Amino acid sequence: MRHALPLWSEQGFNSAQGLYHERLTWDGTPVSLPQRRLMVQARQIATYCRAGLDGLYDTSAPELAKGLRCLETVERLYWRADDGAGWIFSLAPDGTPASPVRDLYAHAFILFAYAWAYRLTGAPRYRRVARETAEETWQLFALEGEGFRDRVPQANTVRRQNPHMHLLEACLALFEATNEAFYLDQAERLVALASRRFMGPRSGALLEEFDAAWVPLAPPGHNRVEPGHLFEWAWLLGEYRRLAPEAEKGGHLCAMAERLFVFGSTEGCAPDTGLVYDAMTEDGVVFEHSTRIWPQTELLRLLCRRRKDAGEGGDALLSSISTLFFTRYAPARLAGGWIDRLDEGLAPMVDHMPASSLYHIYGAAREIICT
């Protein structure tokens, strides 16, 4: 991280606009894109706030000042930008709204950013804006029955687990930062929804997409499963149990997390390298043999936590993935950069670095350091 964090705070930051770039080339040159998404800004802000809390920067460090300055800019340009509730999806290069859509995934990450900014600074304003944003999020996205719509206006009636997962992550971060019961109550509801709706009835694997009645979108055996999300959910269930130990009754959450880990690590990883595939079915049939960097970081983080909590680190798998991570995804020649996606033969499938991956990489790095 001693190279990655400076890279994105320097070459990856547009000082004139006070915003982070969406992507860089492998030599650190910013790539011009038609939109700057709220989600990317929020992830970068949260990452630098976490780095400050973890002691990588002192309180006067320019990297932290840039992150908090970015949060002020983002609040001014994205929040209620068209006088409606919530945060717009993206800005154009000139700083005007590009997409006025309200997106649940993006709202989850701006909540996450405010949680970490509040933990870093203790500034009451961050806590207040977080609560107002949370209330707007429930107002905009909550469905009459259960769960949330993906966006407003709705493009279709497909329901997806992924925004719910990140909303859970944000609620847990906000509860830990503020100790407000509201956030833990919402986290409890999201965990219950996941247990009731997201797990496939045949395999118990976490499915990605559902219809309006929360029925799996595809026929049995043809539903998309992303192994990286199995590991993310297993991690978050552990975080929920840590913050709400009284919620674990009969060990059902621990058992659910274990099923996700076992299914993901046995069916969703390459047998020769241990690398995490991009996608498979709920029957374990891999149909995307490519491997992005973020699922590797989610497995690394979970393996480190399992080792710390119960002495179960999966040492061989941990060693294999760690080695490949630094030789294939984040080689020294990129000086803090990374290759975001490899094909089945471990050749690069992209020619740039997306900023959004830093959040995953730092999440794994801080767990490795703590372990």
Protein backbone atom coordinates (compact mmCIF):
# COMPACT_ATOMS: atom_id res chain seq x y z
CA MET A 1 0.00 0.00 0.00
CA ARG A 2 2.98 2.33 0.38
CA HIS A 3 2.90 2.73 -3.42
CA ALA A 4 -0.82 2.34 -4.22
CA LEU A 5 -2.13 5.00 -1.85
CA PRO A 6 0.30 7.74 -3.05
CA LEU A 7 -0.44 6.79 -6.67
CA TRP A 8 -4.16 7.47 -6.33
CA SER A 9 -3.71 10.53 -4.13
CA GLU A 10 -1.33 12.11 -6.63
CA GLN A 11 -1.78 10.94 -10.23
CA GLY A 12 -5.25 9.66 -9.39
CA PHE A 13 -6.53 12.97 -8.00
CA ASN A 14 -7.66 15.95 -10.06
CA SER A 15 -6.66 18.86 -7.84
CA ALA A 16 -8.41 21.43 -10.02
CA GLN A 17 -11.78 19.72 -9.59
CA GLY A 18 -11.21 18.20 -6.17
CA LEU A 19 -12.28 14.76 -7.41
CA TYR A 20 -10.58 11.42 -8.02
CA HIS A 21 -10.05 10.11 -11.54
CA GLU A 22 -12.08 7.08 -12.60
CA ARG A 23 -9.08 5.24 -14.04
CA LEU A 24 -5.39 5.45 -14.83
CA THR A 25 -3.25 3.82 -17.48
CA TRP A 26 -0.58 1.46 -16.20
CA ASP A 27 1.97 4.30 -16.32
CA GLY A 28 -0.26 6.45 -14.10
CA THR A 29 -1.81 8.71 -16.75
CA PRO A 30 -5.44 9.71 -16.10
CA VAL A 31 -7.95 8.33 -18.61
CA SER A 32 -10.65 10.77 -19.69
CA LEU A 33 -14.18 9.37 -19.38
CA PRO A 34 -17.61 10.94 -19.99
CA GLN A 35 -18.78 10.38 -16.40
CA ARG A 36 -17.44 10.52 -12.85
CA ARG A 37 -19.52 8.15 -10.76
CA LEU A 38 -20.52 8.86 -7.18
CA MET A 39 -19.60 5.31 -6.21
CA VAL A 40 -15.95 5.76 -7.23
CA GLN A 41 -15.55 9.03 -5.33
CA ALA A 42 -17.12 7.51 -2.22
CA ARG A 43 -14.88 4.43 -2.31
CA GLN A 44 -11.74 6.53 -2.60
CA ILE A 45 -12.80 8.84 0.24
CA ALA A 46 -13.55 5.88 2.51
CA THR A 47 -10.23 4.22 1.68
CA TYR A 48 -8.12 7.24 2.64
CA CYS A 49 -10.13 7.81 5.82
CA ARG A 50 -9.54 4.18 6.78
CA ALA A 51 -5.84 4.54 6.04
CA GLY A 52 -5.73 7.53 8.37
CA LEU A 53 -7.47 5.58 11.13
CA ASP A 54 -5.09 2.68 10.59
CA GLY A 55 -2.11 4.93 11.23
CA LEU A 56 -0.75 5.10 7.69
CA TYR A 57 -1.10 8.89 7.75
CA ASP A 58 -1.03 11.45 10.53
CA THR A 59 -3.95 13.81 10.88
CA SER A 60 -2.25 16.62 8.95
CA ALA A 61 -1.32 14.46 5.94
CA PRO A 62 -2.23 15.96 2.54
CA GLU A 63 -3.70 12.62 1.47
CA LEU A 64 -6.34 12.90 4.19
CA ALA A 65 -6.96 16.55 3.39
CA LYS A 66 -7.58 15.63 -0.24
CA GLY A 67 -10.01 12.89 0.73
CA LEU A 68 -12.02 15.17 3.01
CA ARG A 69 -11.89 17.98 0.47
CA CYS A 70 -13.25 15.53 -2.09
CA LEU A 71 -16.11 14.66 0.26
CA GLU A 72 -17.04 18.35 0.50
CA THR A 73 -16.95 18.65 -3.30
CA VAL A 74 -18.98 15.50 -3.77
CA GLU A 75 -21.60 16.66 -1.29
CA ARG A 76 -21.92 19.99 -3.09
CA LEU A 77 -22.10 18.56 -6.61
CA TYR A 78 -23.94 15.24 -6.20
CA TRP A 79 -26.33 15.66 -3.26
CA ARG A 80 -29.76 17.02 -4.24
CA ALA A 81 -28.09 18.41 -7.35
CA ASP A 82 -31.42 18.68 -9.17
CA ASP A 83 -33.31 19.73 -6.02
CA GLY A 84 -34.64 16.21 -5.52
CA ALA A 85 -33.91 13.88 -2.62
CA GLY A 86 -30.79 11.73 -2.78
CA TRP A 87 -27.55 11.75 -4.73
CA ILE A 88 -27.18 11.81 -8.51
CA PHE A 89 -25.34 8.92 -10.15
CA SER A 90 -22.60 10.79 -12.00
CA LEU A 91 -21.09 14.07 -13.15
CA ALA A 92 -19.89 15.14 -16.58
CA PRO A 93 -16.26 16.28 -16.99
CA ASP A 94 -17.33 19.92 -16.57
CA GLY A 95 -18.89 19.16 -13.16
CA THR A 96 -22.52 19.31 -14.26
CA PRO A 97 -24.88 16.35 -13.69
CA ALA A 98 -24.41 13.58 -16.25
CA SER A 99 -26.95 11.09 -14.92
CA PRO A 100 -29.66 12.18 -12.48
CA VAL A 101 -30.56 8.57 -11.70
CA ARG A 102 -30.62 7.64 -8.01
CA ASP A 103 -28.73 4.38 -7.60
CA LEU A 104 -28.92 2.21 -4.47
CA TYR A 105 -25.37 0.86 -4.91
CA ALA A 106 -24.00 4.42 -5.08
CA HIS A 107 -26.04 5.52 -2.07
CA ALA A 108 -24.64 2.60 -0.07
CA PHE A 109 -21.11 3.77 -0.79
CA ILE A 110 -21.66 7.42 0.04
CA LEU A 111 -23.08 6.25 3.38
CA PHE A 112 -19.96 4.11 3.80
CA ALA A 113 -17.75 7.13 3.07
CA TYR A 114 -19.52 9.27 5.66
CA ALA A 115 -19.16 6.53 8.26
CA TRP A 116 -15.40 6.50 7.86
CA ALA A 117 -15.10 10.28 7.61
CA TYR A 118 -16.99 10.60 10.87
CA ARG A 119 -14.81 7.98 12.55
CA LEU A 120 -11.69 9.79 11.36
CA THR A 121 -12.69 13.32 12.34
CA GLY A 122 -15.62 13.12 14.76
CA ALA A 123 -17.17 16.06 12.86
CA PRO A 124 -20.92 16.19 13.70
CA ARG A 125 -21.73 17.34 10.17
CA TYR A 126 -20.69 14.00 8.71
CA ARG A 127 -22.94 12.15 11.14
CA ARG A 128 -25.86 14.43 10.31
CA VAL A 129 -25.48 14.15 6.53
CA ALA A 130 -25.16 10.38 6.85
CA ARG A 131 -28.44 10.16 8.75
CA GLU A 132 -30.24 12.44 6.28
CA THR A 133 -28.87 10.37 3.41
CA ALA A 134 -29.95 7.13 5.09
CA GLU A 135 -33.48 8.45 5.51
CA GLU A 136 -33.56 9.54 1.87
CA THR A 137 -32.23 6.14 0.83
CA TRP A 138 -35.09 4.35 2.56
CA GLN A 139 -37.56 6.88 1.17
CA LEU A 140 -36.33 6.44 -2.41
CA PHE A 141 -35.54 2.75 -2.66
CA ALA A 142 -37.47 0.74 -0.04
CA LEU A 143 -40.09 -1.57 -1.55
CA GLU A 144 -43.51 -2.04 -0.02
CA GLY A 145 -42.87 -5.70 0.70
CA GLU A 146 -39.22 -6.38 1.44
CA GLY A 147 -35.90 -5.23 0.12
CA PHE A 148 -35.02 -2.33 -2.14
CA ARG A 149 -35.28 -1.35 -5.77
CA ASP A 150 -31.95 -0.86 -7.57
CA ARG A 151 -32.55 2.61 -8.93
CA VAL A 152 -34.98 5.48 -9.34
CA PRO A 153 -36.49 5.69 -11.86
CA GLN A 154 -36.68 1.92 -12.23
CA ALA A 155 -35.36 0.47 -15.48
CA ASN A 156 -36.98 -2.92 -14.78
CA THR A 157 -38.25 -5.03 -11.90
CA VAL A 158 -35.14 -7.17 -11.50
CA ARG A 159 -33.95 -7.31 -7.89
CA ARG A 160 -30.24 -7.74 -7.17
CA GLN A 161 -28.46 -8.85 -4.04
CA ASN A 162 -25.31 -6.78 -4.60
CA PRO A 163 -26.65 -3.32 -3.64
CA HIS A 164 -28.22 -4.87 -0.54
CA MET A 165 -24.84 -6.33 0.42
CA HIS A 166 -23.16 -2.94 0.25
CA LEU A 167 -26.04 -1.28 2.08
CA LEU A 168 -25.45 -3.81 4.87
CA GLU A 169 -21.76 -2.91 4.82
CA ALA A 170 -22.63 0.78 5.14
CA CYS A 171 -25.09 0.18 7.99
CA LEU A 172 -22.51 -1.80 9.93
CA ALA A 173 -19.87 0.89 9.41
CA LEU A 174 -22.31 3.60 10.50
CA PHE A 175 -23.40 1.68 13.58
CA GLU A 176 -19.80 1.15 14.64
CA ALA A 177 -19.06 4.84 14.03
CA THR A 178 -22.15 6.35 15.70
CA ASN A 179 -23.63 3.64 17.94
CA GLU A 180 -27.06 4.63 16.59
CA ALA A 181 -29.45 1.67 16.91
CA PHE A 182 -31.17 2.67 13.66
CA TYR A 183 -28.27 1.35 11.62
CA LEU A 184 -28.01 -1.95 13.45
CA ASP A 185 -31.77 -2.44 13.10
CA GLN A 186 -31.47 -1.97 9.34
CA ALA A 187 -28.50 -4.33 9.22
CA GLU A 188 -30.56 -6.96 11.01
CA ARG A 189 -33.31 -6.63 8.40
CA LEU A 190 -30.82 -6.93 5.55
CA VAL A 191 -29.24 -10.06 7.03
CA ALA A 192 -32.69 -11.59 7.50
CA LEU A 193 -33.57 -10.77 3.88
CA ALA A 194 -30.37 -12.39 2.66
CA SER A 195 -31.05 -15.52 4.67
CA ARG A 196 -34.64 -15.71 3.47
CA ARG A 197 -34.30 -14.69 -0.19
CA PHE A 198 -30.76 -14.61 -1.55
CA MET A 199 -29.70 -18.19 -0.91
CA GLY A 200 -30.58 -20.63 -3.69
CA PRO A 201 -33.15 -23.23 -2.58
CA ARG A 202 -31.20 -26.14 -4.08
CA SER A 203 -27.56 -25.39 -3.38
CA GLY A 204 -27.66 -22.75 -0.67
CA ALA A 205 -25.38 -20.61 -2.84
CA LEU A 206 -25.85 -16.86 -2.95
CA LEU A 207 -27.70 -15.92 -6.14
CA GLU A 208 -27.34 -12.56 -7.89
CA GLU A 209 -30.67 -11.73 -9.56
CA PHE A 210 -34.36 -12.20 -8.78
CA ASP A 211 -37.73 -11.17 -10.14
CA ALA A 212 -40.10 -8.75 -8.41
CA ALA A 213 -41.33 -11.53 -6.09
CA TRP A 214 -37.76 -12.46 -5.10
CA VAL A 215 -37.88 -15.68 -7.13
CA PRO A 216 -34.51 -16.57 -8.75
CA LEU A 217 -34.47 -14.96 -12.19
CA ALA A 218 -33.22 -17.94 -14.21
CA PRO A 219 -34.37 -21.59 -14.20
CA PRO A 220 -32.72 -23.91 -11.65
CA GLY A 221 -29.11 -24.60 -12.56
CA HIS A 222 -28.78 -21.46 -14.67
CA ASN A 223 -28.60 -18.70 -12.07
CA ARG A 224 -25.50 -16.53 -11.82
CA VAL A 225 -23.28 -16.91 -8.77
CA GLU A 226 -20.20 -14.72 -8.26
CA PRO A 227 -17.74 -16.47 -5.93
CA GLY A 228 -16.28 -13.14 -4.84
CA HIS A 229 -19.65 -12.14 -3.43
CA LEU A 230 -19.83 -15.39 -1.46
CA PHE A 231 -16.65 -14.34 0.32
CA GLU A 232 -17.87 -10.76 0.81
CA TRP A 233 -21.09 -11.98 2.40
CA ALA A 234 -19.22 -14.43 4.62
CA TRP A 235 -17.05 -11.54 5.80
CA LEU A 236 -20.01 -9.24 6.42
CA LEU A 237 -21.90 -11.90 8.36
CA GLY A 238 -18.83 -12.14 10.58
CA GLU A 239 -18.85 -8.37 11.03
CA TYR A 240 -22.54 -8.43 11.90
CA ARG A 241 -21.95 -11.14 14.50
CA ARG A 242 -19.07 -9.10 15.93
CA LEU A 243 -21.20 -5.97 16.30
CA ALA A 244 -24.40 -7.76 17.36
CA PRO A 245 -23.29 -10.96 19.13
CA GLU A 246 -26.73 -11.40 20.68
CA ALA A 247 -28.21 -11.82 17.18
CA GLU A 248 -26.47 -15.18 16.70
CA LYS A 249 -29.07 -17.71 17.81
CA GLY A 250 -28.33 -21.37 17.30
CA GLY A 251 -25.28 -20.59 15.19
CA HIS A 252 -27.31 -20.06 12.01
CA LEU A 253 -25.31 -17.04 10.84
CA CYS A 254 -22.01 -18.79 11.41
CA ALA A 255 -23.33 -21.81 9.51
CA MET A 256 -24.51 -19.62 6.62
CA ALA A 257 -21.12 -17.91 6.39
CA GLU A 258 -19.37 -21.28 6.46
CA ARG A 259 -21.55 -22.62 3.64
CA LEU A 260 -20.73 -19.59 1.53
CA PHE A 261 -17.00 -19.98 2.15
CA VAL A 262 -16.97 -23.71 1.45
CA PHE A 263 -19.03 -23.45 -1.73
CA GLY A 264 -16.99 -20.53 -3.02
CA SER A 265 -13.60 -22.05 -2.24
CA THR A 266 -14.42 -25.54 -3.54
CA GLU A 267 -16.52 -24.71 -6.61
CA GLY A 268 -15.54 -21.14 -7.44
CA CYS A 269 -11.74 -21.34 -7.42
CA ALA A 270 -9.39 -22.73 -10.06
CA PRO A 271 -8.18 -26.15 -8.91
CA ASP A 272 -4.58 -25.55 -10.01
CA THR A 273 -4.02 -21.98 -8.78
CA GLY A 274 -6.80 -21.28 -6.28
CA LEU A 275 -7.71 -18.07 -8.10
CA VAL A 276 -11.34 -17.04 -7.81
CA TYR A 277 -13.36 -17.27 -11.01
CA ASP A 278 -15.64 -14.43 -12.06
CA ALA A 279 -18.89 -16.41 -12.33
CA MET A 280 -20.51 -19.83 -12.13
CA THR A 281 -23.99 -21.31 -11.72
CA GLU A 282 -25.51 -22.43 -8.44
CA ASP A 283 -24.54 -25.97 -9.44
CA GLY A 284 -20.87 -24.98 -9.54
CA VAL A 285 -20.55 -24.88 -13.34
CA VAL A 286 -18.03 -22.15 -14.13
CA PHE A 287 -18.96 -20.11 -17.21
CA GLU A 288 -16.63 -17.12 -16.75
CA HIS A 289 -13.10 -18.45 -16.27
CA SER A 290 -11.61 -14.96 -16.18
CA THR A 291 -10.42 -13.69 -12.80
CA ARG A 292 -10.77 -10.09 -11.66
CA ILE A 293 -8.63 -8.68 -8.90
CA TRP A 294 -11.44 -7.89 -6.47
CA PRO A 295 -12.61 -11.49 -5.83
CA GLN A 296 -9.01 -12.42 -4.99
CA THR A 297 -8.88 -9.66 -2.38
CA GLU A 298 -12.18 -10.78 -0.86
CA LEU A 299 -10.91 -14.33 -0.46
CA LEU A 300 -7.58 -13.11 0.94
CA ARG A 301 -9.38 -10.95 3.49
CA LEU A 302 -11.67 -13.77 4.56
CA LEU A 303 -8.84 -16.29 4.85
CA CYS A 304 -6.91 -13.91 7.08
CA ARG A 305 -9.93 -13.32 9.29
CA ARG A 306 -10.58 -17.05 9.59
CA ARG A 307 -6.98 -17.60 10.61
CA LYS A 308 -7.18 -14.84 13.21
CA ASP A 309 -10.53 -15.95 14.64
CA ALA A 310 -10.18 -19.71 14.65
CA GLY A 311 -6.75 -20.62 13.38
CA GLU A 312 -8.28 -21.66 10.06
CA GLY A 313 -6.32 -19.85 7.41
CA GLY A 314 -6.28 -22.30 4.52
CA ASP A 315 -2.53 -21.81 4.44
CA ALA A 316 -1.91 -23.45 1.06
CA LEU A 317 -4.67 -21.47 -0.63
CA LEU A 318 -3.60 -18.26 1.09
CA SER A 319 0.00 -18.75 0.00
CA SER A 320 -0.94 -19.56 -3.60
CA ILE A 321 -3.26 -16.60 -4.06
CA SER A 322 -0.89 -14.19 -2.30
CA THR A 323 1.96 -15.19 -4.59
CA LEU A 324 -0.12 -14.88 -7.74
CA PHE A 325 -1.55 -11.58 -6.55
CA PHE A 326 1.86 -9.94 -6.46
CA THR A 327 3.22 -11.60 -9.57
CA ARG A 328 0.18 -11.35 -11.85
CA TYR A 329 -2.22 -8.69 -10.58
CA ALA A 330 0.04 -6.21 -8.80
CA PRO A 331 3.58 -6.72 -10.14
CA ALA A 332 6.31 -4.46 -8.81
CA ARG A 333 6.82 -2.87 -12.23
CA LEU A 334 3.43 -1.12 -11.89
CA ALA A 335 4.65 0.70 -8.75
CA GLY A 336 1.42 0.48 -6.80
CA GLY A 337 -0.82 -0.14 -9.79
CA TRP A 338 -2.60 -3.32 -10.75
CA ILE A 339 -4.04 -5.37 -13.58
CA ASP A 340 -7.75 -5.60 -12.95
CA ARG A 341 -8.67 -8.71 -14.93
CA LEU A 342 -6.88 -11.77 -16.30
CA ASP A 343 -8.11 -14.39 -18.74
CA GLU A 344 -7.99 -18.12 -18.07
CA GLY A 345 -4.35 -18.21 -19.17
CA LEU A 346 -3.50 -15.36 -16.75
CA ALA A 347 -3.00 -12.82 -19.55
CA PRO A 348 -4.29 -9.25 -19.00
CA MET A 349 -7.73 -8.49 -20.42
CA VAL A 350 -7.57 -4.73 -19.75
CA ASP A 351 -5.16 -1.85 -20.39
CA HIS A 352 -6.01 0.39 -17.44
CA MET A 353 -6.54 0.52 -13.67
CA PRO A 354 -10.03 1.31 -12.39
CA ALA A 355 -10.03 3.44 -9.25
CA SER A 356 -12.87 1.36 -7.81
CA SER A 357 -10.55 -1.59 -7.09
CA LEU A 358 -8.50 0.29 -4.48
CA TYR A 359 -11.33 -0.15 -1.97
CA HIS A 360 -11.08 -3.94 -2.31
CA ILE A 361 -7.29 -4.00 -2.27
CA TYR A 362 -7.05 -1.85 0.85
CA GLY A 363 -9.72 -3.90 2.59
CA ALA A 364 -7.61 -7.02 2.14
CA ALA A 365 -4.35 -5.25 2.98
CA ARG A 366 -5.59 -3.95 6.34
CA GLU A 367 -6.77 -7.42 7.32
CA ILE A 368 -3.44 -8.96 6.31
CA ILE A 369 -1.58 -6.34 8.36
CA CYS A 370 -3.83 -6.87 11.38
CA THR A 371 -3.41 -10.63 11.13
